[in-house]
Amino acid sequence: MDLEYKQRISLYLDKETVEKMDNAIKKYDYRSRNDFVSSAVDNLIADKLLGENDTVISDKLSRAIAEMSEKQTLQIAKSMFRYAVEMELIVRMFSEALDFTPAELEEMRKEAVRNVRRTRGKVRLDDLFKRRDTQSL
């Protein structure tokens, strides 16, 4: 631990929260309570900043990618390329069939961000159609 870049703080949590934290530390393989709290604070700040601007994702993603092996990075790049092709196809279909104002598009983008965050990226287009969620489209 490089103490030059660290600062000790006092933190009081209720016992139930500490128990939940200790369980999460074991479940998700954190090294320590300090590591867990530091990660939680970083993620909370990133989530709050995400509402202000979308560059936080790039910073978090670039740090995670830097820690991956070349093989893992290549697999992710291939998957992202395939995903981008499918998204391009969907966007082209909608843009040729529908006409939205810039304000409508911005509101749909905000709703899409909320849906992806809420579902951790598991939003399925067919589910949106099934429930006739035209507000999110």
C-alpha atoms as a PDB file:
ATOM      1  CA  MET A   1       0.000   0.000   0.000  1.00  0.00           C
ATOM      2  CA  ASP A   2       1.411   3.374  -1.019  1.00  0.00           C
ATOM      3  CA  LEU A   3       0.560   5.551   1.981  1.00  0.00           C
ATOM      4  CA  GLU A   4       1.769   8.666   0.185  1.00  0.00           C
ATOM      5  CA  TYR A   5      -1.417   8.624  -1.917  1.00  0.00           C
ATOM      6  CA  LYS A   6      -3.797   7.399   0.811  1.00  0.00           C
ATOM      7  CA  GLN A   7      -5.665   9.233   3.553  1.00  0.00           C
ATOM      8  CA  ARG A   8      -7.185   7.596   6.615  1.00  0.00           C
ATOM      9  CA  ILE A   9     -10.793   8.529   7.390  1.00  0.00           C
ATOM     10  CA  SER A  10     -13.287   7.457  10.049  1.00  0.00           C
ATOM     11  CA  LEU A  11     -16.431   5.730   8.886  1.00  0.00           C
ATOM     12  CA  TYR A  12     -19.397   4.560  10.950  1.00  0.00           C
ATOM     13  CA  LEU A  13     -21.853   2.060   9.460  1.00  0.00           C
ATOM     14  CA  ASP A  14     -24.720   0.191  11.035  1.00  0.00           C
ATOM     15  CA  LYS A  15     -24.044  -3.483  11.793  1.00  0.00           C
ATOM     16  CA  GLU A  16     -26.412  -4.768   9.093  1.00  0.00           C
ATOM     17  CA  THR A  17     -24.592  -2.746   6.433  1.00  0.00           C
ATOM     18  CA  VAL A  18     -21.230  -4.049   7.631  1.00  0.00           C
ATOM     19  CA  GLU A  19     -22.544  -7.609   7.456  1.00  0.00           C
ATOM     20  CA  LYS A  20     -23.805  -7.050   3.899  1.00  0.00           C
ATOM     21  CA  MET A  21     -20.472  -5.507   2.967  1.00  0.00           C
ATOM     22  CA  ASP A  22     -18.502  -8.425   4.433  1.00  0.00           C
ATOM     23  CA  ASN A  23     -20.677 -10.903   2.510  1.00  0.00           C
ATOM     24  CA  ALA A  24     -20.142  -8.944  -0.709  1.00  0.00           C
ATOM     25  CA  ILE A  25     -16.393  -8.818  -0.085  1.00  0.00           C
ATOM     26  CA  LYS A  26     -16.301 -12.621   0.056  1.00  0.00           C
ATOM     27  CA  LYS A  27     -18.727 -13.123  -2.832  1.00  0.00           C
ATOM     28  CA  TYR A  28     -16.991 -10.709  -5.210  1.00  0.00           C
ATOM     29  CA  ASP A  29     -13.405 -11.398  -4.097  1.00  0.00           C
ATOM     30  CA  TYR A  30     -12.423  -8.000  -2.751  1.00  0.00           C
ATOM     31  CA  ARG A  31      -9.091  -7.921  -0.906  1.00  0.00           C
ATOM     32  CA  SER A  32     -10.377  -5.934   2.068  1.00  0.00           C
ATOM     33  CA  ARG A  33     -13.068  -3.654   3.416  1.00  0.00           C
ATOM     34  CA  ASN A  34     -10.929  -0.742   2.307  1.00  0.00           C
ATOM     35  CA  ASP A  35     -10.788  -2.094  -1.259  1.00  0.00           C
ATOM     36  CA  PHE A  36     -14.552  -2.647  -1.256  1.00  0.00           C
ATOM     37  CA  VAL A  37     -15.441   0.823   0.099  1.00  0.00           C
ATOM     38  CA  SER A  38     -12.993   2.488  -2.289  1.00  0.00           C
ATOM     39  CA  SER A  39     -14.546   0.666  -5.243  1.00  0.00           C
ATOM     40  CA  ALA A  40     -18.082   1.460  -4.049  1.00  0.00           C
ATOM     41  CA  VAL A  41     -17.270   5.162  -3.715  1.00  0.00           C
ATOM     42  CA  ASP A  42     -15.621   5.246  -7.162  1.00  0.00           C
ATOM     43  CA  ASN A  43     -18.662   3.558  -8.714  1.00  0.00           C
ATOM     44  CA  LEU A  44     -21.137   5.856  -6.965  1.00  0.00           C
ATOM     45  CA  ILE A  45     -19.247   8.932  -8.120  1.00  0.00           C
ATOM     46  CA  ALA A  46     -19.051   7.536 -11.661  1.00  0.00           C
ATOM     47  CA  ASP A  47     -22.802   6.853 -11.653  1.00  0.00           C
ATOM     48  CA  LYS A  48     -23.521  10.411 -10.517  1.00  0.00           C
ATOM     49  CA  LEU A  49     -21.145  11.862 -13.111  1.00  0.00           C
ATOM     50  CA  LEU A  50     -22.760   9.724 -15.799  1.00  0.00           C
ATOM     51  CA  GLY A  51     -25.880  11.825 -15.400  1.00  0.00           C
ATOM     52  CA  GLU A  52     -23.808  14.936 -16.074  1.00  0.00           C
ATOM     53  CA  ASN A  53     -21.695  13.692 -18.977  1.00  0.00           C
ATOM     54  CA  ASP A  54     -21.009  10.394 -20.677  1.00  0.00           C
ATOM     55  CA  THR A  55     -17.192  10.375 -20.529  1.00  0.00           C
ATOM     56  CA  VAL A  56     -17.162   8.391 -17.261  1.00  0.00           C
ATOM     57  CA  ILE A  57     -17.960   5.172 -19.099  1.00  0.00           C
ATOM     58  CA  SER A  58     -14.938   5.665 -21.311  1.00  0.00           C
ATOM     59  CA  ASP A  59     -12.630   6.161 -18.321  1.00  0.00           C
ATOM     60  CA  LYS A  60     -13.940   3.096 -16.471  1.00  0.00           C
ATOM     61  CA  LEU A  61     -13.921   0.986 -19.620  1.00  0.00           C
ATOM     62  CA  SER A  62     -10.387   1.987 -20.585  1.00  0.00           C
ATOM     63  CA  ARG A  63      -9.093   1.082 -17.091  1.00  0.00           C
ATOM     64  CA  ALA A  64     -10.819  -2.310 -17.230  1.00  0.00           C
ATOM     65  CA  ILE A  65      -9.506  -3.022 -20.737  1.00  0.00           C
ATOM     66  CA  ALA A  66      -5.969  -2.104 -19.690  1.00  0.00           C
ATOM     67  CA  GLU A  67      -6.114  -4.869 -17.076  1.00  0.00           C
ATOM     68  CA  MET A  68      -7.247  -7.542 -19.561  1.00  0.00           C
ATOM     69  CA  SER A  69      -5.168  -9.944 -21.562  1.00  0.00           C
ATOM     70  CA  GLU A  70      -4.745  -9.437 -25.294  1.00  0.00           C
ATOM     71  CA  LYS A  71      -6.940 -12.480 -26.018  1.00  0.00           C
ATOM     72  CA  GLN A  72      -9.754 -11.174 -23.802  1.00  0.00           C
ATOM     73  CA  THR A  73      -9.511  -7.736 -25.387  1.00  0.00           C
ATOM     74  CA  LEU A  74      -9.715  -9.219 -28.886  1.00  0.00           C
ATOM     75  CA  GLN A  75     -12.784 -11.295 -27.964  1.00  0.00           C
ATOM     76  CA  ILE A  76     -14.519  -8.238 -26.557  1.00  0.00           C
ATOM     77  CA  ALA A  77     -13.597  -6.166 -29.626  1.00  0.00           C
ATOM     78  CA  LYS A  78     -15.109  -8.793 -31.939  1.00  0.00           C
ATOM     79  CA  SER A  79     -18.287  -8.941 -29.865  1.00  0.00           C
ATOM     80  CA  MET A  80     -18.565  -5.162 -29.793  1.00  0.00           C
ATOM     81  CA  PHE A  81     -18.106  -5.010 -33.573  1.00  0.00           C
ATOM     82  CA  ARG A  82     -20.934  -7.518 -34.112  1.00  0.00           C
ATOM     83  CA  TYR A  83     -23.114  -5.577 -31.667  1.00  0.00           C
ATOM     84  CA  ALA A  84     -22.335  -2.282 -33.436  1.00  0.00           C
ATOM     85  CA  VAL A  85     -23.324  -3.793 -36.804  1.00  0.00           C
ATOM     86  CA  GLU A  86     -26.679  -4.920 -35.390  1.00  0.00           C
ATOM     87  CA  MET A  87     -27.259  -1.513 -33.793  1.00  0.00           C
ATOM     88  CA  GLU A  88     -26.437   0.225 -37.071  1.00  0.00           C
ATOM     89  CA  LEU A  89     -29.007  -1.969 -38.816  1.00  0.00           C
ATOM     90  CA  ILE A  90     -31.681  -1.154 -36.225  1.00  0.00           C
ATOM     91  CA  VAL A  91     -30.918   2.561 -36.333  1.00  0.00           C
ATOM     92  CA  ARG A  92     -31.093   2.620 -40.128  1.00  0.00           C
ATOM     93  CA  MET A  93     -34.432   0.780 -40.118  1.00  0.00           C
ATOM     94  CA  PHE A  94     -35.930   3.230 -37.635  1.00  0.00           C
ATOM     95  CA  SER A  95     -34.491   6.325 -39.289  1.00  0.00           C
ATOM     96  CA  GLU A  96     -35.946   5.316 -42.664  1.00  0.00           C
ATOM     97  CA  ALA A  97     -39.343   4.395 -41.239  1.00  0.00           C
ATOM     98  CA  LEU A  98     -39.896   7.034 -38.547  1.00  0.00           C
ATOM     99  CA  ASP A  99     -39.465  10.763 -38.112  1.00  0.00           C
ATOM    100  CA  PHE A 100     -38.621  12.080 -34.630  1.00  0.00           C
ATOM    101  CA  THR A 101     -37.806  15.586 -33.491  1.00  0.00           C
ATOM    102  CA  PRO A 102     -34.438  16.195 -31.806  1.00  0.00           C
ATOM    103  CA  ALA A 103     -36.258  16.676 -28.474  1.00  0.00           C
ATOM    104  CA  GLU A 104     -38.052  13.326 -28.850  1.00  0.00           C
ATOM    105  CA  LEU A 105     -34.761  11.599 -29.664  1.00  0.00           C
ATOM    106  CA  GLU A 106     -33.079  13.124 -26.617  1.00  0.00           C
ATOM    107  CA  GLU A 107     -35.902  11.995 -24.329  1.00  0.00           C
ATOM    108  CA  MET A 108     -35.719   8.476 -25.806  1.00  0.00           C
ATOM    109  CA  ARG A 109     -31.926   8.458 -25.275  1.00  0.00           C
ATOM    110  CA  LYS A 110     -32.375   9.387 -21.598  1.00  0.00           C
ATOM    111  CA  GLU A 111     -34.946   6.623 -21.158  1.00  0.00           C
ATOM    112  CA  ALA A 112     -32.630   4.157 -22.911  1.00  0.00           C
ATOM    113  CA  VAL A 113     -29.796   5.040 -20.525  1.00  0.00           C
ATOM    114  CA  ARG A 114     -32.135   4.539 -17.554  1.00  0.00           C
ATOM    115  CA  ASN A 115     -33.297   1.167 -18.946  1.00  0.00           C
ATOM    116  CA  VAL A 116     -29.769  -0.072 -19.589  1.00  0.00           C
ATOM    117  CA  ARG A 117     -28.625   0.999 -16.125  1.00  0.00           C
ATOM    118  CA  ARG A 118     -31.700  -0.533 -14.481  1.00  0.00           C
ATOM    119  CA  THR A 119     -31.354  -3.846 -16.312  1.00  0.00           C
ATOM    120  CA  ARG A 120     -27.529  -3.871 -16.383  1.00  0.00           C
ATOM    121  CA  GLY A 121     -27.529  -3.874 -20.184  1.00  0.00           C
ATOM    122  CA  LYS A 122     -30.014  -6.695 -20.659  1.00  0.00           C
ATOM    123  CA  VAL A 123     -32.647  -4.645 -22.503  1.00  0.00           C
ATOM    124  CA  ARG A 124     -34.097  -6.694 -25.325  1.00  0.00           C
ATOM    125  CA  LEU A 125     -35.799  -5.033 -28.277  1.00  0.00           C
ATOM    126  CA  ASP A 126     -38.413  -7.785 -28.520  1.00  0.00           C
ATOM    127  CA  ASP A 127     -39.328  -7.221 -24.853  1.00  0.00           C
ATOM    128  CA  LEU A 128     -39.945  -3.552 -25.593  1.00  0.00           C
ATOM    129  CA  PHE A 129     -42.234  -4.513 -28.472  1.00  0.00           C
ATOM    130  CA  LYS A 130     -44.071  -7.136 -26.404  1.00  0.00           C
ATOM    131  CA  ARG A 131     -44.986  -4.652 -23.722  1.00  0.00           C
ATOM    132  CA  ARG A 132     -45.624  -1.952 -26.322  1.00  0.00           C
ATOM    133  CA  ASP A 133     -43.261   0.399 -24.570  1.00  0.00           C
ATOM    134  CA  THR A 134     -43.454   3.121 -27.200  1.00  0.00           C
ATOM    135  CA  GLN A 135     -42.120   5.700 -24.739  1.00  0.00           C
ATOM    136  CA  SER A 136     -38.739   3.917 -24.714  1.00  0.00           C
ATOM    137  CA  LEU A 137     -38.624   3.481 -28.465  1.00  0.00           C
END
